[in-house]
Amino acid sequence: MELSETRRTCGGLRGLLDTLWRIHTRDALAVLGVVIATDGSTYQKPGALVLLDATGLRHGVISGGCLEPALEHAAREVHASAHAAAVDFDTRGDDDLLFGSGIGCRGRVHLLLLPLPPQGPLARALFGALEQGVAVDLALTTSGADTGAGIARFAPESIASPAELRWDATGRASNAAVAPNLTLRIDPPPRLLLLGAGPETPSLTAIAQRMGWFVTAVEHRGRWAAFALAARVDHLLDLTPEVAATELGDKHADAIIVMSHNYAIDLAHLRYCADSDAGYIGLLGPSARRDALLGELDTATAQRLRARLHAPVGLDLGGHGAETIALAIAAELQQYFSTRGSAAVSAAA
C-alpha cells in the first residue's frame, strides 16, 4: 500500500530533494550550497547541504541563524548569474564578534554555491541516488575559472544509469575536461523497515520521516495496522510474516525493528532478519523475551542475528510509554546511522 501522498515535511536529503522538485516544477533555478571545509567551531561540517532559490533559504541551515542572511545574499548573486561561486564565512576574529555576525563561535565555513537548473546533471544525480537508494560520489572543482564544475558517479555496485554525469560552472551538461580537487560522497536516506506495528509506530515514524528516513511497515492484523495507517508510513504491506519474507526478498533495509507485540510473529520475523543484509536489527521487549526468542532459533540462525541485534531496542533514556520508547529507538538509530560516513569529503586524487 503506497502512502506517500500523505507524507509529512521531511528533513535530510529527502526533504531537500522534495523542495528542489517543487522549485523545478515551476521551471525555476535553484542553488545548492555544499559545505566543503570548516575550521574551528561550526554548526555544520563538510558535506552538509542547503538549498536556496531566488527568495532565500528553502531547506537546511549552516548556522544557528546568524550566517544565513549573508548566505542568502551570496546565493542570490549565483541565482542571478547562473554561475557557481565559492563563499567563505569566517567568525574567528574579534572584529566579527563586535561588528560582524556576533555569533562568537570562532569558526570558518567554506561553501560552494552551485546553480541547479531543471533537468541539470547534478539534480539528476541527486534524484537518482534518492530513487534507487544508492550512494553518489561528486568530484567538484572548488577554485579557478571552472569553480563549480563537476562529475557525479554512482557507487560501483549501483544499477543507476547513466553511470556518470558531468556539468560546468553553470550547472548544465558538459563534456569539457575539468580538474576536480575535492570528492564528496552522498549516501541515500536510510530505509527503516518496521516488522509489526503498535502504539510506538506513529511517534517513531514521525521522528524518522522528519529526519529524512523512509519507513516501510509490515502488518496484516487490522487493529495493529491502524497504528501504521495513523503513522502515515511511506509503505504499508498488508502481509503475514511468511508472505512478507517472500515479498521483501532481497530488498535492502538499513535497519529493521521487530515490534509486532506478538511472540510467534516476532519469531517468524527474526528468521527473516537473520537472512537480511540490514546492519541494525532491533527487537522490542525485555531481555528475558529476547533470550526466549533466540532460544527457539537454531544455532546458525541465532548466530547470524547476534552481532546486529539490539535488544531491548533503543537507548536507555528513562521514562515509560509509547512516545518515550519511540524516542529511545530513534535516538539509537540516529547513533547507528551517523557511523555510516555519510557525505564524507576528501581531496581528489
C-alpha atoms as a PDB file:
ATOM      1  CA  MET A   1       0.000   0.000   0.000  1.00  0.00           C
ATOM      2  CA  GLU A   2       1.534   3.339  -1.118  1.00  0.00           C
ATOM      3  CA  LEU A   3       1.007   6.142   1.381  1.00  0.00           C
ATOM      4  CA  SER A   4       3.402   8.794   0.059  1.00  0.00           C
ATOM      5  CA  GLU A   5       0.593  11.237  -0.747  1.00  0.00           C
ATOM      6  CA  THR A   6       0.229  11.835   2.990  1.00  0.00           C
ATOM      7  CA  ARG A   7       3.934  12.472   3.514  1.00  0.00           C
ATOM      8  CA  ARG A   8       4.826  14.960   6.231  1.00  0.00           C
ATOM      9  CA  THR A   9       7.599  17.540   5.973  1.00  0.00           C
ATOM     10  CA  CYS A  10      10.912  15.696   5.808  1.00  0.00           C
ATOM     11  CA  GLY A  11      14.475  16.595   6.662  1.00  0.00           C
ATOM     12  CA  GLY A  12      17.807  15.499   5.259  1.00  0.00           C
ATOM     13  CA  LEU A  13      18.470  14.776   1.600  1.00  0.00           C
ATOM     14  CA  ARG A  14      14.910  13.541   1.208  1.00  0.00           C
ATOM     15  CA  GLY A  15      13.449  16.867   2.310  1.00  0.00           C
ATOM     16  CA  LEU A  16      15.968  18.840   0.267  1.00  0.00           C
ATOM     17  CA  LEU A  17      15.006  16.966  -2.898  1.00  0.00           C
ATOM     18  CA  ASP A  18      11.289  17.284  -2.135  1.00  0.00           C
ATOM     19  CA  THR A  19      11.861  21.044  -2.046  1.00  0.00           C
ATOM     20  CA  LEU A  20      14.034  21.000  -5.178  1.00  0.00           C
ATOM     21  CA  TRP A  21      11.337  19.104  -7.068  1.00  0.00           C
ATOM     22  CA  ARG A  22       8.791  21.795  -6.175  1.00  0.00           C
ATOM     23  CA  ILE A  23      11.171  24.539  -7.368  1.00  0.00           C
ATOM     24  CA  HIS A  24      11.861  22.733 -10.628  1.00  0.00           C
ATOM     25  CA  THR A  25       8.155  22.152 -11.334  1.00  0.00           C
ATOM     26  CA  ARG A  26       7.989  25.939 -11.714  1.00  0.00           C
ATOM     27  CA  ASP A  27      10.868  25.674 -14.224  1.00  0.00           C
ATOM     28  CA  ALA A  28      12.931  27.770 -11.811  1.00  0.00           C
ATOM     29  CA  LEU A  29      16.629  27.649 -10.998  1.00  0.00           C
ATOM     30  CA  ALA A  30      17.737  26.553  -7.524  1.00  0.00           C
ATOM     31  CA  VAL A  31      21.082  26.972  -5.771  1.00  0.00           C
ATOM     32  CA  LEU A  32      22.721  24.130  -3.853  1.00  0.00           C
ATOM     33  CA  GLY A  33      25.083  25.098  -1.067  1.00  0.00           C
ATOM     34  CA  VAL A  34      27.727  22.498  -0.209  1.00  0.00           C
ATOM     35  CA  VAL A  35      29.907  22.897   2.874  1.00  0.00           C
ATOM     36  CA  ILE A  36      33.353  21.905   1.624  1.00  0.00           C
ATOM     37  CA  ALA A  37      35.592  22.917   4.544  1.00  0.00           C
ATOM     38  CA  THR A  38      35.337  24.133   8.139  1.00  0.00           C
ATOM     39  CA  ASP A  39      37.719  25.279  10.818  1.00  0.00           C
ATOM     40  CA  GLY A  40      37.067  25.798  14.499  1.00  0.00           C
ATOM     41  CA  SER A  41      33.584  25.632  15.977  1.00  0.00           C
ATOM     42  CA  THR A  42      30.875  25.418  13.319  1.00  0.00           C
ATOM     43  CA  TYR A  43      27.215  24.405  13.276  1.00  0.00           C
ATOM     44  CA  GLN A  44      27.672  22.251  10.175  1.00  0.00           C
ATOM     45  CA  LYS A  45      30.569  20.130   8.975  1.00  0.00           C
ATOM     46  CA  PRO A  46      31.932  19.326   5.479  1.00  0.00           C
ATOM     47  CA  GLY A  47      29.369  17.593   3.312  1.00  0.00           C
ATOM     48  CA  ALA A  48      26.321  19.429   4.668  1.00  0.00           C
ATOM     49  CA  LEU A  49      23.846  20.605   2.024  1.00  0.00           C
ATOM     50  CA  VAL A  50      21.452  23.558   1.888  1.00  0.00           C
ATOM     51  CA  LEU A  51      19.032  24.621  -0.833  1.00  0.00           C
ATOM     52  CA  LEU A  52      18.134  28.156  -1.846  1.00  0.00           C
ATOM     53  CA  ASP A  53      16.142  29.878  -4.574  1.00  0.00           C
ATOM     54  CA  ALA A  54      15.591  33.495  -5.597  1.00  0.00           C
ATOM     55  CA  THR A  55      13.606  34.168  -2.403  1.00  0.00           C
ATOM     56  CA  GLY A  56      16.218  32.800   0.000  1.00  0.00           C
ATOM     57  CA  LEU A  57      16.889  29.697   2.045  1.00  0.00           C
ATOM     58  CA  ARG A  58      14.444  26.868   1.396  1.00  0.00           C
ATOM     59  CA  HIS A  59      15.974  23.855   3.133  1.00  0.00           C
ATOM     60  CA  GLY A  60      18.763  23.337   5.667  1.00  0.00           C
ATOM     61  CA  VAL A  61      20.979  25.707   7.656  1.00  0.00           C
ATOM     62  CA  ILE A  62      24.692  26.410   8.031  1.00  0.00           C
ATOM     63  CA  SER A  63      24.482  28.124  11.433  1.00  0.00           C
ATOM     64  CA  GLY A  64      22.020  28.852  14.199  1.00  0.00           C
ATOM     65  CA  GLY A  65      20.636  31.647  12.011  1.00  0.00           C
ATOM     66  CA  CYS A  66      23.463  34.188  12.210  1.00  0.00           C
ATOM     67  CA  LEU A  67      25.132  33.439   8.862  1.00  0.00           C
ATOM     68  CA  GLU A  68      22.028  32.750   6.797  1.00  0.00           C
ATOM     69  CA  PRO A  69      21.406  36.379   5.667  1.00  0.00           C
ATOM     70  CA  ALA A  70      24.910  36.551   4.164  1.00  0.00           C
ATOM     71  CA  LEU A  71      24.425  33.113   2.631  1.00  0.00           C
ATOM     72  CA  GLU A  72      21.153  34.196   1.028  1.00  0.00           C
ATOM     73  CA  HIS A  73      22.807  37.328  -0.382  1.00  0.00           C
ATOM     74  CA  ALA A  74      25.592  35.265  -1.969  1.00  0.00           C
ATOM     75  CA  ALA A  75      23.094  32.740  -3.317  1.00  0.00           C
ATOM     76  CA  ARG A  76      21.019  35.480  -4.945  1.00  0.00           C
ATOM     77  CA  GLU A  77      24.099  36.536  -6.881  1.00  0.00           C
ATOM     78  CA  VAL A  78      24.639  32.950  -8.030  1.00  0.00           C
ATOM     79  CA  HIS A  79      20.971  32.696  -8.930  1.00  0.00           C
ATOM     80  CA  ALA A  80      21.098  35.918 -10.967  1.00  0.00           C
ATOM     81  CA  SER A  81      24.305  34.994 -12.810  1.00  0.00           C
ATOM     82  CA  ALA A  82      23.547  31.256 -13.069  1.00  0.00           C
ATOM     83  CA  HIS A  83      27.239  30.725 -12.340  1.00  0.00           C
ATOM     84  CA  ALA A  84      28.755  28.857  -9.386  1.00  0.00           C
ATOM     85  CA  ALA A  85      30.761  30.622  -6.694  1.00  0.00           C
ATOM     86  CA  ALA A  86      32.783  29.786  -3.608  1.00  0.00           C
ATOM     87  CA  VAL A  87      31.984  31.743  -0.436  1.00  0.00           C
ATOM     88  CA  ASP A  88      33.638  31.919   2.949  1.00  0.00           C
ATOM     89  CA  PHE A  89      32.204  32.867   6.341  1.00  0.00           C
ATOM     90  CA  ASP A  90      34.859  33.488   8.992  1.00  0.00           C
ATOM     91  CA  THR A  91      33.837  34.251  12.577  1.00  0.00           C
ATOM     92  CA  ARG A  92      37.207  33.510  14.179  1.00  0.00           C
ATOM     93  CA  GLY A  93      38.285  37.105  14.770  1.00  0.00           C
ATOM     94  CA  ASP A  94      37.279  39.635  17.406  1.00  0.00           C
ATOM     95  CA  ASP A  95      36.045  42.012  14.700  1.00  0.00           C
ATOM     96  CA  ASP A  96      33.307  39.568  13.762  1.00  0.00           C
ATOM     97  CA  LEU A  97      32.206  39.329  17.391  1.00  0.00           C
ATOM     98  CA  LEU A  98      31.939  43.104  17.671  1.00  0.00           C
ATOM     99  CA  PHE A  99      30.972  44.244  14.174  1.00  0.00           C
ATOM    100  CA  GLY A 100      30.036  41.134  12.201  1.00  0.00           C
ATOM    101  CA  SER A 101      27.652  38.254  12.814  1.00  0.00           C
ATOM    102  CA  GLY A 102      28.100  38.377  16.581  1.00  0.00           C
ATOM    103  CA  ILE A 103      27.957  34.596  16.659  1.00  0.00           C
ATOM    104  CA  GLY A 104      31.011  34.221  18.884  1.00  0.00           C
ATOM    105  CA  CYS A 105      31.693  30.635  17.786  1.00  0.00           C
ATOM    106  CA  ARG A 106      35.067  31.453  16.241  1.00  0.00           C
ATOM    107  CA  GLY A 107      34.753  29.173  13.261  1.00  0.00           C
ATOM    108  CA  ARG A 108      35.058  29.251   9.487  1.00  0.00           C
ATOM    109  CA  VAL A 109      32.673  27.745   6.941  1.00  0.00           C
ATOM    110  CA  HIS A 110      33.633  27.468   3.270  1.00  0.00           C
ATOM    111  CA  LEU A 111      30.880  26.639   0.756  1.00  0.00           C
ATOM    112  CA  LEU A 112      30.341  26.033  -2.919  1.00  0.00           C
ATOM    113  CA  LEU A 113      27.151  27.564  -4.281  1.00  0.00           C
ATOM    114  CA  LEU A 114      26.092  25.552  -7.324  1.00  0.00           C
ATOM    115  CA  PRO A 115      23.305  26.512  -9.753  1.00  0.00           C
ATOM    116  CA  LEU A 116      20.768  23.702 -10.203  1.00  0.00           C
ATOM    117  CA  PRO A 117      18.766  24.177 -13.422  1.00  0.00           C
ATOM    118  CA  PRO A 118      15.784  21.877 -14.066  1.00  0.00           C
ATOM    119  CA  GLN A 119      16.929  18.547 -15.523  1.00  0.00           C
ATOM    120  CA  GLY A 120      20.556  19.521 -14.888  1.00  0.00           C
ATOM    121  CA  PRO A 121      23.111  16.724 -14.378  1.00  0.00           C
ATOM    122  CA  LEU A 122      23.701  17.339 -10.664  1.00  0.00           C
ATOM    123  CA  ALA A 123      19.978  17.422  -9.903  1.00  0.00           C
ATOM    124  CA  ARG A 124      19.502  14.218 -11.914  1.00  0.00           C
ATOM    125  CA  ALA A 125      22.314  12.553  -9.960  1.00  0.00           C
ATOM    126  CA  LEU A 126      20.815  13.508  -6.601  1.00  0.00           C
ATOM    127  CA  PHE A 127      17.329  12.361  -7.594  1.00  0.00           C
ATOM    128  CA  GLY A 128      18.813   9.118  -8.916  1.00  0.00           C
ATOM    129  CA  ALA A 129      20.565   8.458  -5.604  1.00  0.00           C
ATOM    130  CA  LEU A 130      17.299   9.033  -3.752  1.00  0.00           C
ATOM    131  CA  GLU A 131      15.076   6.977  -6.027  1.00  0.00           C
ATOM    132  CA  GLN A 132      17.412   3.993  -6.362  1.00  0.00           C
ATOM    133  CA  GLY A 133      18.743   4.084  -2.817  1.00  0.00           C
ATOM    134  CA  VAL A 134      22.404   4.255  -3.840  1.00  0.00           C
ATOM    135  CA  ALA A 135      25.329   6.492  -2.960  1.00  0.00           C
ATOM    136  CA  VAL A 136      26.636   9.071  -5.406  1.00  0.00           C
ATOM    137  CA  ASP A 137      30.186  10.448  -5.498  1.00  0.00           C
ATOM    138  CA  LEU A 138      30.623  14.079  -6.527  1.00  0.00           C
ATOM    139  CA  ALA A 139      34.002  15.277  -7.823  1.00  0.00           C
ATOM    140  CA  LEU A 140      33.992  19.091  -7.583  1.00  0.00           C
ATOM    141  CA  THR A 141      36.183  21.954  -8.721  1.00  0.00           C
ATOM    142  CA  THR A 142      36.390  24.448  -5.867  1.00  0.00           C
ATOM    143  CA  SER A 143      38.593  27.205  -7.301  1.00  0.00           C
ATOM    144  CA  GLY A 144      39.612  28.880 -10.535  1.00  0.00           C
ATOM    145  CA  ALA A 145      37.624  29.599 -13.688  1.00  0.00           C
ATOM    146  CA  ASP A 146      35.900  26.207 -13.506  1.00  0.00           C
ATOM    147  CA  THR A 147      34.665  26.625  -9.924  1.00  0.00           C
ATOM    148  CA  GLY A 148      31.505  24.581  -9.530  1.00  0.00           C
ATOM    149  CA  ALA A 149      32.139  22.222 -12.448  1.00  0.00           C
ATOM    150  CA  GLY A 150      31.954  18.588 -11.518  1.00  0.00           C
ATOM    151  CA  ILE A 151      31.268  14.940 -12.150  1.00  0.00           C
ATOM    152  CA  ALA A 152      28.745  12.650 -10.461  1.00  0.00           C
ATOM    153  CA  ARG A 153      29.413   8.922 -10.358  1.00  0.00           C
ATOM    154  CA  PHE A 154      27.096   6.380  -8.796  1.00  0.00           C
ATOM    155  CA  ALA A 155      28.522   3.777  -6.439  1.00  0.00           C
ATOM    156  CA  PRO A 156      30.203   0.894  -8.316  1.00  0.00           C
ATOM    157  CA  GLU A 157      27.599  -1.645  -7.200  1.00  0.00           C
ATOM    158  CA  SER A 158      24.789   0.616  -8.376  1.00  0.00           C
ATOM    159  CA  ILE A 159      22.462  -0.105 -11.262  1.00  0.00           C
ATOM    160  CA  ALA A 160      21.867   3.615 -11.744  1.00  0.00           C
ATOM    161  CA  SER A 161      22.073   4.911 -15.291  1.00  0.00           C
ATOM    162  CA  PRO A 162      23.905   6.758 -16.689  1.00  0.00           C
ATOM    163  CA  ALA A 163      26.880   5.818 -14.551  1.00  0.00           C
ATOM    164  CA  GLU A 164      28.470   9.282 -14.904  1.00  0.00           C
ATOM    165  CA  LEU A 165      27.068  12.815 -15.266  1.00  0.00           C
ATOM    166  CA  ARG A 166      29.133  15.976 -15.905  1.00  0.00           C
ATOM    167  CA  TRP A 167      28.323  19.676 -15.623  1.00  0.00           C
ATOM    168  CA  ASP A 168      30.072  23.026 -15.989  1.00  0.00           C
ATOM    169  CA  ALA A 169      30.098  26.097 -13.759  1.00  0.00           C
ATOM    170  CA  THR A 170      26.556  26.977 -14.882  1.00  0.00           C
ATOM    171  CA  GLY A 171      25.243  23.593 -13.772  1.00  0.00           C
ATOM    172  CA  ARG A 172      24.473  22.487 -17.324  1.00  0.00           C
ATOM    173  CA  ALA A 173      25.622  19.318 -19.052  1.00  0.00           C
ATOM    174  CA  SER A 174      29.154  19.494 -20.402  1.00  0.00           C
ATOM    175  CA  ASN A 175      31.772  17.127 -21.753  1.00  0.00           C
ATOM    176  CA  ALA A 176      34.598  19.635 -21.325  1.00  0.00           C
ATOM    177  CA  ALA A 177      37.625  18.467 -19.372  1.00  0.00           C
ATOM    178  CA  VAL A 178      37.638  19.540 -15.723  1.00  0.00           C
ATOM    179  CA  ALA A 179      40.142  19.009 -12.913  1.00  0.00           C
ATOM    180  CA  PRO A 180      38.149  18.348  -9.713  1.00  0.00           C
ATOM    181  CA  ASN A 181      40.086  18.816  -6.496  1.00  0.00           C
ATOM    182  CA  LEU A 182      37.536  17.575  -3.962  1.00  0.00           C
ATOM    183  CA  THR A 183      35.340  14.495  -3.704  1.00  0.00           C
ATOM    184  CA  LEU A 184      32.129  14.218  -1.734  1.00  0.00           C
ATOM    185  CA  ARG A 185      30.084  11.071  -1.184  1.00  0.00           C
ATOM    186  CA  ILE A 186      26.378  11.496  -0.550  1.00  0.00           C
ATOM    187  CA  ASP A 187      24.620   8.480   0.898  1.00  0.00           C
ATOM    188  CA  PRO A 188      20.926   7.891   0.219  1.00  0.00           C
ATOM    189  CA  PRO A 189      18.449   8.427   3.064  1.00  0.00           C
ATOM    190  CA  PRO A 190      18.243   5.483   5.476  1.00  0.00           C
ATOM    191  CA  ARG A 191      15.464   2.976   4.896  1.00  0.00           C
ATOM    192  CA  LEU A 192      13.738   1.707   8.013  1.00  0.00           C
ATOM    193  CA  LEU A 193      11.616  -1.456   7.994  1.00  0.00           C
ATOM    194  CA  LEU A 194       9.110  -1.962  10.819  1.00  0.00           C
ATOM    195  CA  LEU A 195       8.026  -5.586  11.192  1.00  0.00           C
ATOM    196  CA  GLY A 196       4.813  -5.118  13.090  1.00  0.00           C
ATOM    197  CA  ALA A 197       3.085  -2.036  14.425  1.00  0.00           C
ATOM    198  CA  GLY A 198       1.849  -0.743  17.745  1.00  0.00           C
ATOM    199  CA  PRO A 199       1.383   2.381  19.875  1.00  0.00           C
ATOM    200  CA  GLU A 200       5.014   3.382  19.267  1.00  0.00           C
ATOM    201  CA  THR A 201       4.640   3.454  15.480  1.00  0.00           C
ATOM    202  CA  PRO A 202       3.125   6.946  14.973  1.00  0.00           C
ATOM    203  CA  SER A 203       5.758   8.723  17.084  1.00  0.00           C
ATOM    204  CA  LEU A 204       8.634   6.672  15.693  1.00  0.00           C
ATOM    205  CA  THR A 205       7.518   7.267  12.110  1.00  0.00           C
ATOM    206  CA  ALA A 206       7.066  10.998  12.701  1.00  0.00           C
ATOM    207  CA  ILE A 207      10.627  11.308  14.021  1.00  0.00           C
ATOM    208  CA  ALA A 208      12.060   9.077  11.288  1.00  0.00           C
ATOM    209  CA  GLN A 209      10.433  10.985   8.438  1.00  0.00           C
ATOM    210  CA  ARG A 210      11.349  14.325   9.982  1.00  0.00           C
ATOM    211  CA  MET A 211      14.940  13.070   9.960  1.00  0.00           C
ATOM    212  CA  GLY A 212      14.537  12.242   6.263  1.00  0.00           C
ATOM    213  CA  TRP A 213      14.344   8.455   6.577  1.00  0.00           C
ATOM    214  CA  PHE A 214      11.983   6.227   4.581  1.00  0.00           C
ATOM    215  CA  VAL A 215       9.662   3.985   6.606  1.00  0.00           C
ATOM    216  CA  THR A 216       8.026   0.747   5.461  1.00  0.00           C
ATOM    217  CA  ALA A 217       5.794  -1.261   7.810  1.00  0.00           C
ATOM    218  CA  VAL A 218       4.607  -4.867   7.572  1.00  0.00           C
ATOM    219  CA  GLU A 219       1.347  -5.527   9.425  1.00  0.00           C
ATOM    220  CA  HIS A 220      -1.571  -7.770   8.488  1.00  0.00           C
ATOM    221  CA  ARG A 221      -3.692  -7.513  11.657  1.00  0.00           C
ATOM    222  CA  GLY A 222      -6.364  -4.857  11.307  1.00  0.00           C
ATOM    223  CA  ARG A 223      -6.203  -3.497  14.833  1.00  0.00           C
ATOM    224  CA  TRP A 224      -2.434  -3.127  14.696  1.00  0.00           C
ATOM    225  CA  ALA A 225      -2.344  -1.928  11.087  1.00  0.00           C
ATOM    226  CA  ALA A 226      -4.408   1.049  12.279  1.00  0.00           C
ATOM    227  CA  PHE A 227      -1.313   2.288  14.124  1.00  0.00           C
ATOM    228  CA  ALA A 228       0.699   2.198  10.864  1.00  0.00           C
ATOM    229  CA  LEU A 229      -2.074   3.962   8.974  1.00  0.00           C
ATOM    230  CA  ALA A 230      -2.227   6.657  11.639  1.00  0.00           C
ATOM    231  CA  ALA A 231       1.556   6.959  11.436  1.00  0.00           C
ATOM    232  CA  ARG A 232       1.434   7.697   7.682  1.00  0.00           C
ATOM    233  CA  VAL A 233       4.305   5.341   6.905  1.00  0.00           C
ATOM    234  CA  ASP A 234       5.635   5.553   3.359  1.00  0.00           C
ATOM    235  CA  HIS A 235       4.593   1.979   2.526  1.00  0.00           C
ATOM    236  CA  LEU A 236       2.341  -0.427   4.375  1.00  0.00           C
ATOM    237  CA  LEU A 237       2.491  -4.108   3.431  1.00  0.00           C
ATOM    238  CA  ASP A 238      -0.669  -5.958   4.499  1.00  0.00           C
ATOM    239  CA  LEU A 239       1.053  -9.343   4.620  1.00  0.00           C
ATOM    240  CA  THR A 240       1.646 -12.188   7.052  1.00  0.00           C
ATOM    241  CA  PRO A 241       5.266 -12.675   8.161  1.00  0.00           C
ATOM    242  CA  GLU A 242       5.747 -15.658   5.834  1.00  0.00           C
ATOM    243  CA  VAL A 243       4.346 -13.881   2.782  1.00  0.00           C
ATOM    244  CA  ALA A 244       6.199 -10.681   3.690  1.00  0.00           C
ATOM    245  CA  ALA A 245       9.509 -12.575   3.779  1.00  0.00           C
ATOM    246  CA  THR A 246       8.919 -13.656   0.174  1.00  0.00           C
ATOM    247  CA  GLU A 247       7.611 -10.257  -0.936  1.00  0.00           C
ATOM    248  CA  LEU A 248      10.518  -8.369   0.610  1.00  0.00           C
ATOM    249  CA  GLY A 249      13.006 -10.870  -0.785  1.00  0.00           C
ATOM    250  CA  ASP A 250      16.415  -9.234  -1.007  1.00  0.00           C
ATOM    251  CA  LYS A 251      15.105  -5.658  -0.845  1.00  0.00           C
ATOM    252  CA  HIS A 252      17.539  -3.641   1.216  1.00  0.00           C
ATOM    253  CA  ALA A 253      16.714  -2.047   4.557  1.00  0.00           C
ATOM    254  CA  ASP A 254      19.356  -0.181   6.537  1.00  0.00           C
ATOM    255  CA  ALA A 255      17.643  -1.014   9.811  1.00  0.00           C
ATOM    256  CA  ILE A 256      14.811  -3.321  10.864  1.00  0.00           C
ATOM    257  CA  ILE A 257      12.706  -3.093  14.016  1.00  0.00           C
ATOM    258  CA  VAL A 258      10.814  -6.226  15.072  1.00  0.00           C
ATOM    259  CA  MET A 259       7.845  -4.870  17.001  1.00  0.00           C
ATOM    260  CA  SER A 260       4.662  -6.886  16.477  1.00  0.00           C
ATOM    261  CA  HIS A 261       3.888  -7.266  20.194  1.00  0.00           C
ATOM    262  CA  ASN A 262       3.276 -10.952  19.453  1.00  0.00           C
ATOM    263  CA  TYR A 263       5.750 -13.683  20.384  1.00  0.00           C
ATOM    264  CA  ALA A 264       5.070 -16.068  17.485  1.00  0.00           C
ATOM    265  CA  ILE A 265       5.005 -13.297  14.884  1.00  0.00           C
ATOM    266  CA  ASP A 266       8.239 -11.801  16.186  1.00  0.00           C
ATOM    267  CA  LEU A 267       9.849 -15.242  15.999  1.00  0.00           C
ATOM    268  CA  ALA A 268       8.904 -15.528  12.318  1.00  0.00           C
ATOM    269  CA  HIS A 269      10.183 -12.024  11.627  1.00  0.00           C
ATOM    270  CA  LEU A 270      13.511 -12.772  13.331  1.00  0.00           C
ATOM    271  CA  ARG A 271      14.061 -15.670  10.954  1.00  0.00           C
ATOM    272  CA  TYR A 272      13.677 -13.233   8.052  1.00  0.00           C
ATOM    273  CA  CYS A 273      16.017 -10.738   9.728  1.00  0.00           C
ATOM    274  CA  ALA A 274      18.734 -13.348  10.102  1.00  0.00           C
ATOM    275  CA  ASP A 275      18.948 -13.699   6.328  1.00  0.00           C
ATOM    276  CA  SER A 276      18.641  -9.963   5.579  1.00  0.00           C
ATOM    277  CA  ASP A 277      21.565  -7.636   4.918  1.00  0.00           C
ATOM    278  CA  ALA A 278      20.383  -4.993   7.404  1.00  0.00           C
ATOM    279  CA  GLY A 279      23.217  -3.815   9.613  1.00  0.00           C
ATOM    280  CA  TYR A 280      20.906  -2.995  12.512  1.00  0.00           C
ATOM    281  CA  ILE A 281      18.124  -5.207  13.858  1.00  0.00           C
ATOM    282  CA  GLY A 282      16.109  -4.015  16.830  1.00  0.00           C
ATOM    283  CA  LEU A 283      13.772  -6.143  18.921  1.00  0.00           C
ATOM    284  CA  LEU A 284      11.105  -4.600  21.118  1.00  0.00           C
ATOM    285  CA  GLY A 285      10.627  -6.128  24.548  1.00  0.00           C
ATOM    286  CA  PRO A 286      12.639  -7.067  27.653  1.00  0.00           C
ATOM    287  CA  SER A 287      15.825  -9.123  27.798  1.00  0.00           C
ATOM    288  CA  ALA A 288      14.068 -12.265  29.032  1.00  0.00           C
ATOM    289  CA  ARG A 289      11.774 -12.222  25.996  1.00  0.00           C
ATOM    290  CA  ARG A 290      14.795 -11.728  23.708  1.00  0.00           C
ATOM    291  CA  ASP A 291      16.566 -14.712  25.235  1.00  0.00           C
ATOM    292  CA  ALA A 292      13.465 -16.885  24.898  1.00  0.00           C
ATOM    293  CA  LEU A 293      13.068 -15.969  21.231  1.00  0.00           C
ATOM    294  CA  LEU A 294      16.719 -16.608  20.440  1.00  0.00           C
ATOM    295  CA  GLY A 295      16.470 -19.915  22.262  1.00  0.00           C
ATOM    296  CA  GLU A 296      13.794 -21.082  19.813  1.00  0.00           C
ATOM    297  CA  LEU A 297      16.002 -20.416  16.799  1.00  0.00           C
ATOM    298  CA  ASP A 298      18.555 -22.897  15.562  1.00  0.00           C
ATOM    299  CA  THR A 299      22.144 -22.089  16.458  1.00  0.00           C
ATOM    300  CA  ALA A 300      23.150 -20.892  12.983  1.00  0.00           C
ATOM    301  CA  THR A 301      20.147 -18.534  12.679  1.00  0.00           C
ATOM    302  CA  ALA A 302      20.707 -17.077  16.141  1.00  0.00           C
ATOM    303  CA  GLN A 303      24.384 -16.588  15.363  1.00  0.00           C
ATOM    304  CA  ARG A 304      23.572 -14.607  12.226  1.00  0.00           C
ATOM    305  CA  LEU A 305      21.455 -12.268  14.345  1.00  0.00           C
ATOM    306  CA  ARG A 306      23.556 -11.689  17.442  1.00  0.00           C
ATOM    307  CA  ALA A 307      26.155  -9.247  16.114  1.00  0.00           C
ATOM    308  CA  ARG A 308      23.457  -6.986  14.660  1.00  0.00           C
ATOM    309  CA  LEU A 309      20.754  -7.400  17.281  1.00  0.00           C
ATOM    310  CA  HIS A 310      19.819  -4.508  19.563  1.00  0.00           C
ATOM    311  CA  ALA A 311      17.538  -5.922  22.201  1.00  0.00           C
ATOM    312  CA  PRO A 312      15.981  -4.354  24.118  1.00  0.00           C
ATOM    313  CA  VAL A 313      15.920  -1.863  21.262  1.00  0.00           C
ATOM    314  CA  GLY A 314      16.654   1.812  21.933  1.00  0.00           C
ATOM    315  CA  LEU A 315      18.872   3.895  24.185  1.00  0.00           C
ATOM    316  CA  ASP A 316      18.100   3.832  27.886  1.00  0.00           C
ATOM    317  CA  LEU A 317      16.643   7.342  28.230  1.00  0.00           C
ATOM    318  CA  GLY A 318      14.446   6.599  31.214  1.00  0.00           C
ATOM    319  CA  GLY A 319      10.686   7.003  31.340  1.00  0.00           C
ATOM    320  CA  HIS A 320       7.811   4.875  30.081  1.00  0.00           C
ATOM    321  CA  GLY A 321       5.145   4.842  27.392  1.00  0.00           C
ATOM    322  CA  ALA A 322       4.894   4.737  23.614  1.00  0.00           C
ATOM    323  CA  GLU A 323       6.384   8.164  22.907  1.00  0.00           C
ATOM    324  CA  THR A 324       9.393   7.556  25.172  1.00  0.00           C
ATOM    325  CA  ILE A 325      10.037   4.165  23.557  1.00  0.00           C
ATOM    326  CA  ALA A 326       9.804   5.732  20.088  1.00  0.00           C
ATOM    327  CA  LEU A 327      12.279   8.458  21.057  1.00  0.00           C
ATOM    328  CA  ALA A 328      14.703   5.882  22.506  1.00  0.00           C
ATOM    329  CA  ILE A 329      14.555   3.808  19.308  1.00  0.00           C
ATOM    330  CA  ALA A 330      15.008   6.848  17.062  1.00  0.00           C
ATOM    331  CA  ALA A 331      17.966   8.052  19.146  1.00  0.00           C
ATOM    332  CA  GLU A 332      19.734   4.707  18.843  1.00  0.00           C
ATOM    333  CA  LEU A 333      19.017   4.587  15.110  1.00  0.00           C
ATOM    334  CA  GLN A 334      20.499   8.054  14.628  1.00  0.00           C
ATOM    335  CA  GLN A 335      23.564   6.978  16.585  1.00  0.00           C
ATOM    336  CA  TYR A 336      23.903   3.954  14.307  1.00  0.00           C
ATOM    337  CA  PHE A 337      23.280   5.834  11.044  1.00  0.00           C
ATOM    338  CA  SER A 338      25.817   8.513  11.987  1.00  0.00           C
ATOM    339  CA  THR A 339      28.587   5.908  11.843  1.00  0.00           C
ATOM    340  CA  ARG A 340      27.998   5.198   8.143  1.00  0.00           C
ATOM    341  CA  GLY A 341      30.234   8.072   6.984  1.00  0.00           C
ATOM    342  CA  SER A 342      27.546   9.996   5.083  1.00  0.00           C
ATOM    343  CA  ALA A 343      28.807  12.881   2.967  1.00  0.00           C
ATOM    344  CA  ALA A 344      32.481  12.107   3.556  1.00  0.00           C
ATOM    345  CA  VAL A 345      34.762  14.710   1.960  1.00  0.00           C
ATOM    346  CA  SER A 346      38.306  14.217   0.698  1.00  0.00           C
ATOM    347  CA  ALA A 347      40.800  15.766  -1.698  1.00  0.00           C
ATOM    348  CA  ALA A 348      40.515  14.357  -5.192  1.00  0.00           C
ATOM    349  CA  ALA A 349      43.361  12.214  -6.461  1.00  0.00           C
END
